[in-house]
Protein backbone atom coordinates (compact mmCIF):
# COMPACT_ATOMS: atom_id res chain seq x y z
CA MET A 1 7.10 109.25 2.85
CA ALA A 2 6.25 112.45 0.73
CA GLN A 3 7.91 112.21 -3.15
CA VAL A 4 9.32 115.53 -3.77
CA ASP A 5 12.24 117.11 -5.60
CA ARG A 6 15.36 118.42 -4.13
CA GLU A 7 17.74 120.85 -4.92
CA PRO A 8 20.79 119.86 -2.82
CA GLN A 9 23.41 122.50 -3.77
CA LYS A 10 24.30 124.75 -0.88
CA LYS A 11 23.43 128.55 -2.20
CA ARG A 12 23.37 131.91 -0.81
CA ALA A 13 20.94 134.47 -1.72
CA ARG A 14 19.80 138.11 -0.28
CA VAL A 15 16.15 138.35 0.84
CA ASN A 16 15.51 142.19 0.14
CA SER A 17 17.53 144.08 2.98
CA GLU A 18 17.60 141.18 5.33
CA PRO A 19 20.88 139.43 6.02
CA GLU A 20 22.01 136.84 3.59
CA ALA A 21 19.49 133.45 3.79
CA VAL A 22 21.18 130.09 3.19
CA LYS A 23 19.40 127.58 1.42
CA ASP A 24 19.30 124.41 3.47
CA GLU A 25 20.72 121.33 1.83
CA LYS A 26 18.36 118.90 2.31
CA TYR A 27 14.91 120.77 2.69
CA TRP A 28 15.23 122.73 -0.36
CA PHE A 29 12.88 121.55 -2.98
CA ALA A 30 12.85 123.13 -6.50
CA SER A 31 9.02 122.86 -6.94
CA GLY A 32 8.54 124.18 -3.25
CA ASP A 33 5.98 127.23 -3.08
CA VAL A 34 7.15 129.05 0.13
CA VAL A 35 10.30 129.86 1.65
CA LEU A 36 10.58 129.42 6.04
CA ILE A 37 13.65 131.15 7.31
CA ALA A 38 14.32 129.84 10.76
CA SER A 39 17.49 131.10 12.93
CA ARG A 40 20.84 132.03 11.62
CA HIS A 41 19.03 132.59 8.40
CA VAL A 42 18.61 129.07 7.21
CA ALA A 43 15.94 129.01 4.51
CA PHE A 44 13.73 126.04 3.72
CA ARG A 45 11.90 125.97 0.61
CA VAL A 46 8.95 123.74 0.92
CA HIS A 47 5.34 122.86 0.12
CA GLY A 48 2.34 124.68 2.00
CA ASP A 49 -0.05 121.94 0.38
CA ILE A 50 2.18 119.34 2.49
CA LEU A 51 2.60 121.28 5.61
CA GLY A 52 -1.08 122.60 5.77
CA PRO A 53 -2.77 119.33 6.32
CA LYS A 54 -0.01 118.32 8.95
CA SER A 55 -0.10 121.84 11.09
CA LYS A 56 -3.10 124.09 11.34
CA VAL A 57 -0.93 126.61 12.97
CA LEU A 58 1.37 126.47 9.84
CA CYS A 59 -1.66 126.34 7.36
CA ASP A 60 -3.05 129.39 9.20
CA LEU A 61 0.03 131.38 9.43
CA LEU A 62 0.88 131.05 5.71
CA ASP A 63 -2.74 131.84 4.62
CA ARG A 64 -2.16 135.19 6.89
CA HIS A 65 0.80 135.91 5.14
CA ARG A 66 -0.55 135.48 1.60
CA ARG A 67 -3.16 137.71 2.21
CA SER A 68 -1.13 140.34 3.49
CA SER A 69 1.27 140.42 0.66
CA ARG A 70 1.79 143.94 -0.53
CA MET A 71 5.18 144.13 -0.09
CA GLN A 72 5.94 140.51 0.70
CA GLU A 73 9.95 139.13 0.56
CA LYS A 74 10.62 136.96 -1.75
CA LEU A 75 13.42 134.14 -2.27
CA ASP A 76 13.79 132.66 -5.90
CA ASP A 77 10.07 134.20 -6.55
CA CYS A 78 8.40 132.39 -3.38
CA PRO A 79 7.09 134.30 -0.39
CA VAL A 80 9.09 134.16 2.32
CA VAL A 81 7.66 133.65 6.04
CA HIS A 82 10.15 134.00 9.05
CA VAL A 83 9.65 131.63 12.00
CA SER A 84 11.33 132.08 15.28
CA ASP A 85 12.91 128.16 15.77
CA ASP A 86 15.96 127.25 15.74
CA SER A 87 17.13 125.92 12.56
CA GLU A 88 18.56 122.37 13.56
CA ASP A 89 15.14 122.15 15.39
CA PHE A 90 13.07 123.13 12.17
CA ARG A 91 15.26 120.87 9.99
CA ILE A 92 14.05 118.14 12.51
CA PHE A 93 10.71 119.20 12.36
CA LEU A 94 10.44 119.22 8.68
CA GLY A 95 12.38 115.53 8.53
CA LEU A 96 9.41 114.25 10.90
CA VAL A 97 6.90 116.00 8.43
CA TYR A 98 8.33 114.94 5.07
CA ASP A 99 9.90 111.62 5.90
CA SER A 100 8.09 110.45 8.64
CA PHE A 101 11.57 110.29 10.45
CA ASN A 102 10.50 106.99 11.27
CA PHE A 103 9.83 107.38 14.91
CA SER A 104 11.29 104.14 15.56
CA GLN A 105 14.37 104.59 13.16
CA GLY A 106 14.33 100.64 13.29
CA ASP A 107 16.20 99.33 16.13
CA LYS A 108 17.70 102.58 16.70
CA LEU A 109 16.33 104.96 19.47
CA PRO A 110 15.99 108.52 18.51
CA ASN A 111 18.03 110.97 20.65
CA TRP A 112 16.96 113.90 22.68
CA SER A 113 17.09 116.34 20.34
CA VAL A 114 14.70 114.43 17.89
CA VAL A 115 12.13 113.86 20.79
CA ARG A 116 12.28 117.62 22.19
CA VAL A 117 11.42 118.87 18.67
CA MET A 118 8.37 115.95 18.60
CA VAL A 119 6.73 117.48 22.10
CA VAL A 120 8.04 121.10 21.71
CA LEU A 121 7.32 122.03 18.13
CA GLY A 122 4.55 119.14 17.86
CA ASP A 123 2.77 121.49 20.74
CA LYS A 124 3.80 124.70 19.12
CA TYR A 125 2.47 123.80 15.87
CA ASP A 126 -0.14 121.90 16.75
CA VAL A 127 0.77 118.64 15.57
CA PRO A 128 -1.08 116.14 17.65
CA GLU A 129 0.72 112.87 16.56
CA PHE A 130 4.33 114.36 16.78
CA ARG A 131 3.40 115.53 20.38
CA ALA A 132 1.76 111.86 21.46
CA GLU A 133 4.73 109.66 20.35
CA GLY A 134 7.11 112.25 21.88
CA VAL A 135 5.31 112.09 25.36
CA ARG A 136 4.96 108.03 24.69
CA ARG A 137 8.78 108.21 24.54
CA LEU A 138 9.21 110.25 27.46
CA SER A 139 6.98 107.87 29.51
CA LEU A 140 8.82 104.91 28.21
CA GLU A 141 12.40 106.24 29.05
CA ILE A 142 11.40 107.74 32.32
CA SER A 143 8.88 105.08 33.50
CA GLN A 144 6.19 105.11 36.06
CA ASP A 145 6.84 101.25 36.65
CA ALA A 146 10.07 100.68 38.91
CA SER A 147 10.94 97.41 37.43
CA LYS A 148 11.56 99.04 34.03
CA TRP A 149 13.63 101.73 35.09
CA ASN A 150 16.61 100.66 33.95
CA GLU A 151 15.27 99.59 30.36
CA ALA A 152 16.02 102.36 27.74
CA GLY A 153 12.79 101.96 25.63
CA GLY A 154 11.85 105.67 24.51
CA PHE A 155 15.14 107.78 23.37
CA THR A 156 18.67 108.34 23.97
CA PHE A 157 20.17 111.08 26.06
CA LYS A 158 23.21 112.35 27.92
CA THR A 159 23.42 113.29 31.29
CA SER A 160 24.18 116.82 30.50
CA GLU A 161 20.92 116.93 28.77
CA LEU A 162 18.82 116.00 31.88
CA MET A 163 18.42 119.90 32.31
CA SER A 164 16.86 120.46 28.76
CA ILE A 165 14.26 117.12 29.38
CA ALA A 166 13.42 118.85 32.72
CA SER A 167 12.60 122.23 31.76
CA VAL A 168 10.49 120.79 28.68
CA THR A 169 8.65 118.24 30.97
CA ARG A 170 7.52 121.04 33.16
CA SER A 171 6.60 123.32 30.31
CA LEU A 172 4.73 120.84 28.88
CA ASN A 173 2.83 119.92 32.23
CA LEU A 174 3.60 116.17 32.70
CA PRO A 175 4.52 116.05 36.76
CA ASP A 176 5.05 112.68 36.79
CA VAL A 177 7.69 112.59 33.84
CA HIS A 178 8.89 115.71 35.16
CA ALA A 179 9.30 114.17 38.61
CA GLY A 180 10.95 111.21 37.47
CA VAL A 181 13.98 113.53 35.52
CA LEU A 182 14.48 115.55 38.86
CA TYR A 183 15.51 112.29 40.51
CA MET A 184 17.52 111.48 37.82
CA CYS A 185 19.26 114.88 38.11
CA SER A 186 19.34 114.41 41.91
CA GLU A 187 21.10 111.21 41.10
CA TRP A 188 23.69 112.90 38.58
CA LEU A 189 23.85 116.20 40.18
CA GLU A 190 27.46 116.80 40.39
CA THR A 191 27.96 115.67 37.02
CA ILE A 192 25.07 117.99 35.52
CA VAL A 193 26.17 121.03 37.42
CA LEU A 194 29.69 120.39 36.04
CA GLN A 195 29.00 119.34 32.82
CA GLY A 196 25.80 120.09 31.67
CA ALA A 197 25.83 123.72 33.04
CA SER A 198 28.71 124.16 30.73
CA GLU A 199 27.04 122.47 27.87
CA VAL A 200 23.98 124.21 27.75
CA GLY A 201 24.24 126.82 30.17
CA VAL A 202 22.85 126.86 34.35
CA ASP A 203 20.01 129.08 33.10
CA ALA A 204 18.38 126.06 31.69
CA TRP A 205 16.97 125.01 34.71
CA HIS A 206 13.69 126.33 36.21
CA LEU A 207 14.07 128.89 38.98
CA GLU A 208 12.98 125.91 41.72
CA ASP A 209 14.03 122.75 39.67
CA LEU A 210 17.95 123.12 40.93
CA PRO A 211 17.15 123.68 44.61
CA ARG A 212 14.71 120.70 44.52
CA CYS A 213 17.07 118.49 42.88
CA ILE A 214 19.62 119.79 45.87
CA HIS A 215 16.87 118.98 48.31
CA GLY A 216 16.40 115.61 46.64
CA HIS A 217 20.10 114.66 46.71
CA GLU A 218 20.07 114.82 50.36
CA SER A 219 16.83 113.24 51.06
CA MET A 220 17.91 110.13 48.85
CA THR A 221 20.51 109.15 51.49
CA ARG A 222 17.85 109.15 54.23
CA THR A 223 15.57 107.37 52.07
CA TRP A 224 18.37 104.79 51.31
CA PHE A 225 18.69 104.00 54.88
CA ASP A 226 14.89 103.72 55.59
CA LEU A 227 14.42 100.99 52.75
CA HIS A 228 17.30 99.08 54.19
CA LYS A 229 16.04 99.15 57.93
CA LYS A 230 12.26 97.88 56.40
CA LEU A 231 13.48 95.49 54.17
CA PHE A 232 14.25 92.77 56.38
CA ASP A 233 11.76 93.70 59.07
CA ILE A 234 10.42 90.70 60.59
CA SER A 235 6.80 92.30 61.40
CA SER A 236 5.58 90.23 58.45
CA LEU A 237 7.09 86.87 57.54
CA ASN A 238 6.88 84.46 54.42
CA MET A 239 4.46 82.20 55.30
CA ARG A 240 5.91 79.52 52.47
CA CYS A 241 9.02 79.42 54.41
CA SER A 242 10.20 75.69 53.88
CA SER A 243 12.73 75.89 56.94
CA ALA A 244 11.39 78.59 59.13
CA ARG A 245 14.11 78.14 62.06
CA HIS A 246 17.21 78.60 59.80
CA CYS A 247 15.34 81.31 58.03
CA ALA A 248 14.19 83.32 61.09
CA GLU A 249 17.90 83.25 61.95
CA ALA A 250 19.34 84.31 58.19
CA VAL A 251 16.54 87.39 58.22
CA ARG A 252 18.24 88.44 62.09
CA VAL A 253 21.91 88.30 60.34
CA MET A 254 20.26 89.87 57.29
CA GLN A 255 18.98 92.99 58.98
CA PHE A 256 22.69 93.57 60.48
CA LEU A 257 24.01 92.97 56.91
CA SER A 258 21.55 95.24 55.28
CA THR A 259 22.59 98.09 57.64
CA ASP A 260 26.12 97.52 56.87
CA HIS A 261 25.35 97.23 53.21
CA ALA A 262 23.50 100.83 53.42
CA ILE A 263 26.71 102.38 55.07
CA GLN A 264 29.28 100.57 52.61
CA PHE A 265 27.43 101.64 49.41
CA VAL A 266 25.90 104.95 50.75
CA HIS A 267 27.37 106.38 47.29
CA MET A 268 24.66 104.50 45.85
CA ALA A 269 21.80 106.25 47.90
CA PHE A 270 20.85 108.18 44.49
CA SER A 271 20.42 105.00 42.54
CA ILE A 272 17.70 103.66 44.43
CA LEU A 273 15.52 102.57 41.68
CA GLY A 274 18.64 100.95 39.81
CA GLU A 275 19.20 96.95 40.38
CA ALA A 276 23.15 97.50 41.13
CA ALA A 277 22.23 99.30 44.51
CA TRP A 278 20.75 96.11 45.66
CA GLU A 279 22.26 93.29 43.98
CA ASP A 280 24.86 92.64 46.58
CA LEU A 281 22.49 91.80 49.12
CA TRP A 282 20.96 88.64 47.70
CA PRO A 283 24.17 86.31 47.90
CA LYS A 284 24.79 87.06 51.42
CA ALA A 285 21.20 86.00 52.09
CA LYS A 286 21.68 82.75 50.04
CA ASP A 287 25.17 82.15 51.90
CA ASN A 288 23.23 82.78 55.53
CA GLY A 289 21.07 79.98 54.94
CA MET A 290 17.90 81.68 53.83
CA CYS A 291 15.82 79.45 51.62
CA LEU A 292 14.70 80.55 47.88
CA SER A 293 11.34 80.75 48.76
CA CYS A 294 12.28 83.68 51.60
CA GLN A 295 14.88 85.10 49.08
CA ARG A 296 11.91 85.81 46.40
CA PHE A 297 9.89 87.00 49.44
CA TYR A 298 12.33 89.74 50.33
CA GLN A 299 13.00 90.23 46.79
CA ALA A 300 9.29 90.71 46.10
CA ARG A 301 9.42 93.17 49.31
CA LEU A 302 12.15 95.28 47.56
CA ALA A 303 10.06 95.57 44.59
CA ARG A 304 6.93 97.05 46.26
CA MET A 305 8.96 99.59 48.19
CA LYS A 306 10.77 100.84 45.01
CA GLN A 307 7.60 101.20 43.66
CA GLU A 308 6.32 102.96 46.15
CA PHE A 309 8.98 105.22 46.35
CA ARG A 310 8.78 105.90 42.30
CA ASN A 311 4.98 106.59 42.75
CA THR A 312 5.60 109.14 45.64
CA LEU A 313 8.38 111.06 43.48
CA VAL A 314 5.79 114.00 42.40
CA GLU A 315 5.32 114.41 46.19
CA ARG A 316 8.77 114.00 47.19
CA PHE A 317 9.72 116.84 44.85
CA THR A 318 6.74 118.68 45.72
CA LEU A 319 5.60 119.30 42.32
CA PRO A 320 1.98 120.55 41.79
CA VAL A 321 -0.43 117.47 40.39
CA VAL A 322 -1.98 119.20 37.66
CA GLU A 323 -4.01 116.71 35.02
CA TYR A 324 -2.84 117.42 31.75
CA SER A 325 -5.96 118.03 28.86
CA GLU A 326 -5.42 117.97 25.38
CA GLY A 327 -4.79 121.18 24.08
CA SER A 328 -4.60 122.96 27.66
CA GLN A 329 -1.06 123.81 26.73
CA HIS A 330 -0.81 124.31 23.32
CA GLY A 331 1.48 126.99 22.51
CA ALA A 332 4.10 126.06 24.62
CA GLY A 333 7.65 126.41 23.51
CA ARG A 334 6.81 129.19 21.35
């Protein structure tokens, strides 16, 4: 962690004819040699020799600014450079630079605001370690492994933020993660449209994503019934069954009960990858005489079906599969 002196008081100062700049309370260092001004005229006095080694983009920006300093803006005798970023985002970015922000934050997962800055500003300012950590956390939270779908392992987020997550994963060319987010958007479609639109604006959606989610919302119902139909299909049986006659009858009963379950719990059709959507089936299988070996056999079949479903999300949401190569999306989010 960089040890630097801070000047904590909040002051206002005028930069030439520009609107009044507001000195940031945390990232205004008395020993800083450059002032970066973000949105809302928030000014950060920082150290070029700390930012430069971390970000080649910022290093080049500061160098160009120093070389073209005939009528250079100054604040507290420091050259001023304007950046287009939101001041809250840039404050988080500086937290990652100066304080390492402890990516894990101990036992507490970072929220979406932090992860978004990792990937978007990490990409914009060419800080590979930030971008890689953000992508890692996205992949943990929106896992390719269906069995880990309900395990929160990357970051925390609100349902209303799913639109923002979809937009970022799309712009950074992460098709599998993006497809996972669209599945989640389909699951929470009504909440997102009603709550999310009011909080972040419907224009946060990419033009194609909202209709895809509506289509996905509708297709989940068909998939829900299809999986229930296939789950207790007798075309392949458990060869290790210890009570074939009793279990054959139990499977026939479960075929009927599975169809009934699909109808009764159709409101859970948008939670196919979750555990809660299916947990009611297994006590019924046991109550109808299915042996433990067969219960495990059909639970394993369901796990495979859910994984197959997860594997096809990109195709289900008709997203182009484009391999990401390091640097191919450099500059996204600028």
